[in-house]
Amino acid sequence: MTGVTLERVVKRYGEVQVIHGVDLAIQDGEFCVFVGPSGCGKSTLLRMIAGLEETSDGAIHIGARDVTRMDPAERGVAMVFQTYALYPHMTVGENMGFGLKMNGHPKAEIQSKVAEASRILKLDDYLKRKPAALSGGQRQRVAIGRAIVRGPEVFLFDEPLSNLDAELRVEMRVEIARLHKEIGATMIYVTHDQVEAMTLADKIVVLRAGRIEQVGAPLDLYRDPDNRFVAGFIGSPAMNFLAGRVAGGAIEVPSLRGTVAPPVTMPPDGTEVLLGLRPEHLGIDPAGDTHTVDLTEALGGVSYAYLTADTGEKLVVEERGDIRSEEGARVGINVDAARAMAFDAGTEARIR
């Protein structure tokens, strides 16, 4: 297997530029996930690596080969799409081996590779079935198996779980993670679901408007985001952001009716900032009177209280144990200042 390198990659459609000089190195055997909101360019970037979209400028290397102008079939990649695209009149085994058959591979070789892919994906009992007799998760495994039998250098996944229900998505996340560990291939995976990104990735690439905002390991992005966009995108529920102003080395926060002093080097007094607080770094003060509980979302061992401050700002607070805030109650907020983050209100860059 081998890695993938992008050097100042650009994509234009006429005069409209959608990918803006992306530089990225994906190591051999790494599981890299592209995340970002709709329209950020993640699928376009994946299709450029696959050769399904022409690269307007820059270079793409797979291993030591410059594949920028190569046809898709010459790049040594296999792509798994959101739709399964299985032939309904063929069995599972025939679907998995069809690409090799069309390329003239010997029948014995095809059978051997299909058998190995079937073993990895636990499809042995379904090889003689047709797609109509399979569940959505089984069909997606067949689509992945079709990619495996080609023996690619790089696997590309374009939102492969979007069509599955919640239970199957969890099951398939586990399957894909196990597949990566077993075959050790380089994998690039596109999703808008940051939970998928956090659970699958060795490396996450956060994209916005065709540019990379930050690259890093999942927990590194969660604990140490570079800007408000990354801090708000990575994590569920999202980080809370409260308007404040620097005063005397701390942040005055009107919605909290107090000050918070994060462990950062504060800008000059009077600077407008945003205080970033994860739901788990906040607590409910039943004796307080700054917020109204709008809704409590009980999820078993954890719940989330959705609050509105007197200033109108919204806040989500994580609660654990059996005590749940009552809707309509007036409460205060306790802040773990040591875990708080600060962002410049203008540039949205992290203040460190």
Protein backbone atom coordinates (compact mmCIF):
# COMPACT_ATOMS: atom_id res chain seq x y z
CA MET A 1 0.00 0.00 0.00
CA THR A 2 1.04 3.60 -0.30
CA GLY A 3 0.34 7.18 0.73
CA VAL A 4 -1.24 10.13 -1.07
CA THR A 5 0.20 13.65 -1.42
CA LEU A 6 -1.59 16.75 -2.68
CA GLU A 7 0.52 19.74 -3.67
CA ARG A 8 -1.21 23.11 -4.14
CA VAL A 9 -4.22 21.37 -5.70
CA VAL A 10 -6.77 23.65 -7.37
CA LYS A 11 -10.13 22.94 -8.98
CA ARG A 12 -11.96 25.42 -11.17
CA TYR A 13 -15.25 25.21 -13.02
CA GLY A 14 -14.83 27.95 -15.59
CA GLU A 15 -14.12 31.12 -13.63
CA VAL A 16 -15.39 29.66 -10.36
CA GLN A 17 -12.68 28.19 -8.12
CA VAL A 18 -13.92 25.61 -5.62
CA ILE A 19 -10.65 24.10 -4.31
CA HIS A 20 -8.03 26.63 -3.29
CA GLY A 21 -4.43 25.38 -3.30
CA VAL A 22 -4.79 22.38 -0.97
CA ASP A 23 -1.61 20.84 0.46
CA LEU A 24 -2.00 17.52 2.25
CA ALA A 25 0.08 14.42 3.03
CA ILE A 26 -1.70 11.15 3.84
CA GLN A 27 0.67 8.49 5.11
CA ASP A 28 0.89 4.86 3.99
CA GLY A 29 -1.82 2.86 5.78
CA GLU A 30 -3.48 5.90 7.31
CA PHE A 31 -7.26 6.29 7.66
CA CYS A 32 -7.90 9.90 6.68
CA VAL A 33 -11.38 11.46 6.88
CA PHE A 34 -12.48 14.62 5.07
CA VAL A 35 -15.22 16.46 6.98
CA GLY A 36 -17.00 19.74 6.55
CA PRO A 37 -20.41 21.22 5.77
CA SER A 38 -22.22 20.66 2.48
CA GLY A 39 -20.45 22.43 -0.38
CA CYS A 40 -17.06 22.62 1.35
CA GLY A 41 -15.33 20.61 -1.43
CA LYS A 42 -14.69 17.31 0.35
CA SER A 43 -16.30 15.09 -2.31
CA THR A 44 -14.74 17.16 -5.11
CA LEU A 45 -11.30 16.64 -3.55
CA LEU A 46 -11.91 12.90 -3.25
CA ARG A 47 -13.03 12.69 -6.88
CA MET A 48 -9.89 14.57 -7.94
CA ILE A 49 -7.77 11.93 -6.21
CA ALA A 50 -9.80 9.23 -7.99
CA GLY A 51 -9.40 10.96 -11.34
CA LEU A 52 -13.14 11.48 -11.76
CA GLU A 53 -12.60 15.26 -11.65
CA GLU A 54 -9.81 16.95 -13.60
CA THR A 55 -7.21 18.80 -11.51
CA SER A 56 -7.02 22.41 -12.70
CA ASP A 57 -3.65 23.10 -11.09
CA GLY A 58 -1.18 21.50 -8.68
CA ALA A 59 -0.16 17.84 -8.42
CA ILE A 60 -1.46 14.58 -6.93
CA HIS A 61 0.96 11.78 -6.05
CA ILE A 62 0.04 8.23 -5.05
CA GLY A 63 3.21 6.80 -3.66
CA ALA A 64 6.06 7.92 -5.91
CA ARG A 65 3.82 8.27 -8.99
CA ASP A 66 2.47 11.58 -10.24
CA VAL A 67 -1.10 10.62 -11.14
CA THR A 68 -2.41 14.14 -11.79
CA ARG A 69 -3.14 13.48 -15.48
CA MET A 70 -3.60 9.71 -15.31
CA ASP A 71 -6.88 8.00 -16.14
CA PRO A 72 -8.81 6.69 -13.10
CA ALA A 73 -8.10 3.05 -14.04
CA GLU A 74 -4.33 3.70 -13.93
CA ARG A 75 -4.22 5.29 -10.49
CA GLY A 76 -4.46 2.17 -8.35
CA VAL A 77 -7.50 3.36 -6.40
CA ALA A 78 -10.92 1.85 -5.74
CA MET A 79 -13.94 3.94 -4.82
CA VAL A 80 -16.99 3.04 -2.73
CA PHE A 81 -19.93 5.35 -3.35
CA GLN A 82 -22.98 6.39 -1.36
CA THR A 83 -25.14 4.29 -3.69
CA TYR A 84 -24.26 0.59 -3.86
CA ALA A 85 -24.49 0.40 -7.69
CA LEU A 86 -24.80 -3.40 -7.68
CA TYR A 87 -26.02 -5.35 -10.71
CA PRO A 88 -29.44 -6.73 -9.66
CA HIS A 89 -29.29 -9.77 -11.98
CA MET A 90 -25.91 -10.93 -10.62
CA THR A 91 -25.16 -12.82 -7.41
CA VAL A 92 -23.01 -11.32 -4.67
CA GLY A 93 -19.99 -13.29 -5.89
CA GLU A 94 -20.53 -12.20 -9.49
CA ASN A 95 -20.90 -8.57 -8.47
CA MET A 96 -17.66 -8.67 -6.49
CA GLY A 97 -15.69 -10.30 -9.28
CA PHE A 98 -17.23 -8.49 -12.24
CA GLY A 99 -14.47 -5.86 -12.58
CA LEU A 100 -11.76 -8.51 -12.70
CA LYS A 101 -13.77 -10.54 -15.20
CA MET A 102 -14.12 -7.54 -17.51
CA ASN A 103 -10.35 -7.00 -17.35
CA GLY A 104 -9.70 -10.58 -18.45
CA HIS A 105 -8.37 -12.05 -15.22
CA PRO A 106 -8.33 -15.86 -15.00
CA LYS A 107 -11.39 -17.48 -13.42
CA ALA A 108 -9.33 -19.15 -10.68
CA GLU A 109 -7.76 -15.83 -9.69
CA ILE A 110 -11.18 -14.15 -9.56
CA GLN A 111 -12.60 -16.92 -7.37
CA SER A 112 -9.63 -16.71 -5.02
CA LYS A 113 -9.87 -12.93 -4.59
CA VAL A 114 -13.65 -13.02 -4.17
CA ALA A 115 -13.28 -15.73 -1.52
CA GLU A 116 -10.70 -13.69 0.38
CA ALA A 117 -12.83 -10.53 0.27
CA SER A 118 -15.86 -12.54 1.33
CA ARG A 119 -13.94 -13.92 4.32
CA ILE A 120 -12.84 -10.44 5.40
CA LEU A 121 -16.37 -9.03 5.10
CA LYS A 122 -18.17 -12.12 6.45
CA LEU A 123 -20.18 -12.59 3.25
CA ASP A 124 -19.59 -16.32 2.76
CA ASP A 125 -23.23 -17.18 3.42
CA TYR A 126 -24.49 -14.66 0.88
CA LEU A 127 -22.30 -15.29 -2.18
CA LYS A 128 -25.09 -16.94 -4.17
CA ARG A 129 -27.76 -14.40 -3.25
CA LYS A 130 -28.77 -11.48 -5.42
CA PRO A 131 -28.78 -7.88 -4.09
CA ALA A 132 -32.58 -7.81 -3.65
CA ALA A 133 -32.24 -10.51 -0.97
CA LEU A 134 -29.76 -8.47 1.10
CA SER A 135 -30.12 -5.76 3.73
CA GLY A 136 -28.70 -2.29 3.16
CA GLY A 137 -25.66 -3.06 5.30
CA GLN A 138 -25.01 -6.30 3.43
CA ARG A 139 -25.24 -4.52 0.08
CA GLN A 140 -22.72 -1.94 1.23
CA ARG A 141 -20.36 -4.72 2.30
CA VAL A 142 -20.67 -6.20 -1.19
CA ALA A 143 -19.78 -2.80 -2.68
CA ILE A 144 -16.73 -2.68 -0.39
CA GLY A 145 -15.86 -6.26 -1.37
CA ARG A 146 -15.94 -5.28 -5.03
CA ALA A 147 -13.29 -2.67 -4.19
CA ILE A 148 -11.18 -5.13 -2.18
CA VAL A 149 -10.89 -7.70 -4.97
CA ARG A 150 -9.25 -5.12 -7.21
CA GLY A 151 -6.32 -4.93 -4.78
CA PRO A 152 -6.04 -1.12 -4.89
CA GLU A 153 -3.26 0.93 -3.36
CA VAL A 154 -5.80 3.38 -1.92
CA PHE A 155 -9.46 2.98 -0.94
CA LEU A 156 -11.75 6.00 -1.40
CA PHE A 157 -15.12 6.19 0.38
CA ASP A 158 -17.67 8.87 -0.58
CA GLU A 159 -20.25 9.05 2.24
CA PRO A 160 -20.84 5.27 2.04
CA LEU A 161 -23.16 5.08 5.06
CA SER A 162 -25.52 7.96 4.27
CA ASN A 163 -28.30 5.70 2.99
CA LEU A 164 -28.34 3.41 6.03
CA ASP A 165 -30.47 3.72 9.15
CA ALA A 166 -28.90 4.63 12.48
CA GLU A 167 -28.35 1.05 13.70
CA LEU A 168 -26.80 -0.09 10.43
CA ARG A 169 -24.54 2.95 10.33
CA VAL A 170 -23.07 2.01 13.70
CA GLU A 171 -22.65 -1.59 12.55
CA MET A 172 -20.94 -0.55 9.32
CA ARG A 173 -18.63 1.90 11.11
CA VAL A 174 -17.38 -1.04 13.14
CA GLU A 175 -17.02 -3.15 9.97
CA ILE A 176 -15.01 -0.46 8.15
CA ALA A 177 -12.76 0.11 11.17
CA ARG A 178 -12.13 -3.64 11.42
CA LEU A 179 -11.47 -3.83 7.67
CA HIS A 180 -8.84 -1.10 7.92
CA LYS A 181 -7.05 -2.88 10.76
CA GLU A 182 -7.10 -6.22 8.90
CA ILE A 183 -5.85 -5.13 5.50
CA GLY A 184 -3.84 -2.06 6.56
CA ALA A 185 -4.66 -0.11 3.41
CA THR A 186 -4.55 3.64 2.96
CA MET A 187 -8.14 4.84 3.18
CA ILE A 188 -9.65 8.26 2.47
CA TYR A 189 -13.21 8.70 3.66
CA VAL A 190 -15.63 11.57 3.06
CA THR A 191 -18.48 12.30 5.47
CA HIS A 192 -20.50 15.21 6.81
CA ASP A 193 -21.05 13.23 10.03
CA GLN A 194 -18.38 14.24 12.52
CA VAL A 195 -19.26 11.25 14.75
CA GLU A 196 -18.14 8.96 11.90
CA ALA A 197 -15.01 11.06 11.55
CA MET A 198 -14.16 10.91 15.26
CA THR A 199 -14.67 7.15 15.52
CA LEU A 200 -12.94 6.05 12.29
CA ALA A 201 -10.09 8.44 11.57
CA ASP A 202 -6.40 8.38 12.29
CA LYS A 203 -6.34 11.86 10.77
CA ILE A 204 -9.20 14.31 10.18
CA VAL A 205 -9.07 17.04 7.54
CA VAL A 206 -11.59 19.81 8.28
CA LEU A 207 -12.60 21.67 5.12
CA ARG A 208 -14.50 24.91 4.60
CA ALA A 209 -15.17 26.63 1.26
CA GLY A 210 -12.49 24.60 -0.54
CA ARG A 211 -9.73 25.27 2.00
CA ILE A 212 -8.26 23.20 4.82
CA GLU A 213 -9.04 24.72 8.20
CA GLN A 214 -7.10 22.20 10.29
CA VAL A 215 -5.59 18.70 10.09
CA GLY A 216 -5.00 16.45 13.07
CA ALA A 217 -5.94 13.40 15.10
CA PRO A 218 -9.59 13.36 16.24
CA LEU A 219 -8.95 14.15 19.90
CA ASP A 220 -6.34 16.78 19.02
CA LEU A 221 -8.93 18.68 16.98
CA TYR A 222 -11.48 18.29 19.76
CA ARG A 223 -9.18 19.45 22.52
CA ASP A 224 -7.07 21.97 20.62
CA PRO A 225 -8.99 23.58 17.70
CA ASP A 226 -7.30 26.42 15.81
CA ASN A 227 -10.42 28.50 15.27
CA ARG A 228 -14.11 28.85 16.02
CA PHE A 229 -15.16 26.92 12.92
CA VAL A 230 -13.21 23.77 13.87
CA ALA A 231 -14.22 24.09 17.54
CA GLY A 232 -17.88 24.31 16.59
CA PHE A 233 -17.80 21.59 13.94
CA ILE A 234 -15.96 18.91 15.91
CA GLY A 235 -18.00 17.72 18.86
CA SER A 236 -21.63 16.80 19.47
CA PRO A 237 -23.41 18.72 20.87
CA ALA A 238 -21.39 21.59 19.49
CA MET A 239 -19.26 23.92 21.58
CA ASN A 240 -21.07 26.88 23.16
CA PHE A 241 -19.86 30.36 22.20
CA LEU A 242 -20.64 33.32 24.44
CA ALA A 243 -19.92 36.95 23.61
CA GLY A 244 -17.55 38.72 25.98
CA ARG A 245 -15.03 41.49 26.41
CA VAL A 246 -11.55 41.39 27.96
CA ALA A 247 -11.29 43.29 31.24
CA GLY A 248 -8.52 43.03 33.82
CA GLY A 249 -7.04 39.82 32.41
CA ALA A 250 -10.37 37.98 32.33
CA ILE A 251 -13.43 37.87 30.08
CA GLU A 252 -16.59 39.67 31.12
CA VAL A 253 -19.52 37.57 29.95
CA PRO A 254 -22.88 39.40 30.13
CA SER A 255 -24.94 36.22 29.76
CA LEU A 256 -23.21 34.72 32.82
CA ARG A 257 -23.29 38.02 34.78
CA GLY A 258 -19.68 37.45 35.68
CA THR A 259 -16.13 36.93 34.47
CA VAL A 260 -14.23 33.84 33.31
CA ALA A 261 -10.44 33.60 33.14
CA PRO A 262 -9.34 30.90 30.65
CA PRO A 263 -5.68 29.77 30.81
CA VAL A 264 -4.60 31.91 27.83
CA THR A 265 -2.58 35.05 27.17
CA MET A 266 -5.29 37.70 27.11
CA PRO A 267 -5.37 40.46 24.49
CA PRO A 268 -5.70 44.10 25.63
CA ASP A 269 -8.66 45.20 27.74
CA GLY A 270 -11.69 46.07 25.65
CA THR A 271 -11.03 43.39 23.01
CA GLU A 272 -14.21 41.64 21.86
CA VAL A 273 -13.87 37.87 22.24
CA LEU A 274 -15.91 34.68 22.16
CA LEU A 275 -15.74 32.35 25.14
CA GLY A 276 -15.82 28.70 24.00
CA LEU A 277 -17.26 26.13 26.41
CA ARG A 278 -17.95 22.44 25.76
CA PRO A 279 -21.23 21.16 27.29
CA GLU A 280 -19.29 18.79 29.57
CA HIS A 281 -17.27 21.69 30.98
CA LEU A 282 -20.38 23.40 32.35
CA GLY A 283 -22.65 22.62 35.28
CA ILE A 284 -26.12 23.67 36.43
CA ASP A 285 -26.37 25.83 39.56
CA PRO A 286 -29.94 25.36 40.87
CA ALA A 287 -29.50 28.40 43.11
CA GLY A 288 -28.64 30.70 40.22
CA ASP A 289 -30.94 32.93 38.16
CA THR A 290 -29.31 33.72 34.81
CA HIS A 291 -30.82 31.11 32.47
CA THR A 292 -34.14 29.43 31.70
CA VAL A 293 -34.25 25.71 30.95
CA ASP A 294 -35.99 25.31 27.58
CA LEU A 295 -35.61 21.56 27.15
CA THR A 296 -33.94 18.60 28.79
CA GLU A 297 -32.87 15.82 26.45
CA ALA A 298 -32.51 12.63 28.51
CA LEU A 299 -30.37 9.97 26.80
CA GLY A 300 -29.94 7.49 29.65
CA GLY A 301 -26.65 7.91 31.50
CA VAL A 302 -26.26 11.43 30.17
CA SER A 303 -28.67 14.27 29.39
CA TYR A 304 -28.39 17.71 27.82
CA ALA A 305 -30.09 20.82 29.15
CA TYR A 306 -30.84 23.48 26.53
CA LEU A 307 -30.88 26.90 28.13
CA THR A 308 -31.54 30.50 27.16
CA ALA A 309 -29.79 33.34 28.97
CA ASP A 310 -31.52 36.61 29.83
CA THR A 311 -29.42 38.14 27.04
CA GLY A 312 -30.97 35.69 24.55
CA GLU A 313 -27.84 33.57 24.06
CA LYS A 314 -28.34 29.80 23.88
CA LEU A 315 -26.36 27.28 25.90
CA VAL A 316 -26.17 23.47 26.11
CA VAL A 317 -25.05 21.87 29.37
CA GLU A 318 -24.27 18.19 29.92
CA GLU A 319 -25.76 16.57 33.02
CA ARG A 320 -24.88 13.14 34.39
CA GLY A 321 -26.48 10.98 37.05
CA ASP A 322 -30.17 10.83 37.91
CA ILE A 323 -30.75 14.56 38.52
CA ARG A 324 -32.25 16.35 35.51
CA SER A 325 -33.07 20.03 35.20
CA GLU A 326 -36.77 20.78 34.91
CA GLU A 327 -38.08 22.62 31.90
CA GLY A 328 -39.01 26.19 32.73
CA ALA A 329 -36.72 26.32 35.78
CA ARG A 330 -34.46 29.29 36.42
CA VAL A 331 -30.84 28.26 36.98
CA GLY A 332 -27.29 29.54 36.99
CA ILE A 333 -24.17 28.18 35.30
CA ASN A 334 -20.92 26.87 36.78
CA VAL A 335 -17.93 27.11 34.44
CA ASP A 336 -14.77 25.00 34.43
CA ALA A 337 -12.52 27.95 33.55
CA ALA A 338 -9.45 25.71 33.15
CA ARG A 339 -11.15 24.01 30.16
CA ALA A 340 -12.56 27.19 28.58
CA MET A 341 -11.26 28.52 25.26
CA ALA A 342 -11.18 32.03 23.84
CA PHE A 343 -11.53 33.18 20.22
CA ASP A 344 -11.08 36.56 18.61
CA ALA A 345 -14.57 37.87 17.80
CA GLY A 346 -13.39 39.36 14.51
CA THR A 347 -11.02 36.81 12.96
CA GLU A 348 -12.45 33.83 14.95
CA ALA A 349 -8.86 32.60 15.48
CA ARG A 350 -8.05 30.84 18.73
CA ILE A 351 -6.47 32.97 21.46
CA ARG A 352 -3.76 30.88 23.12
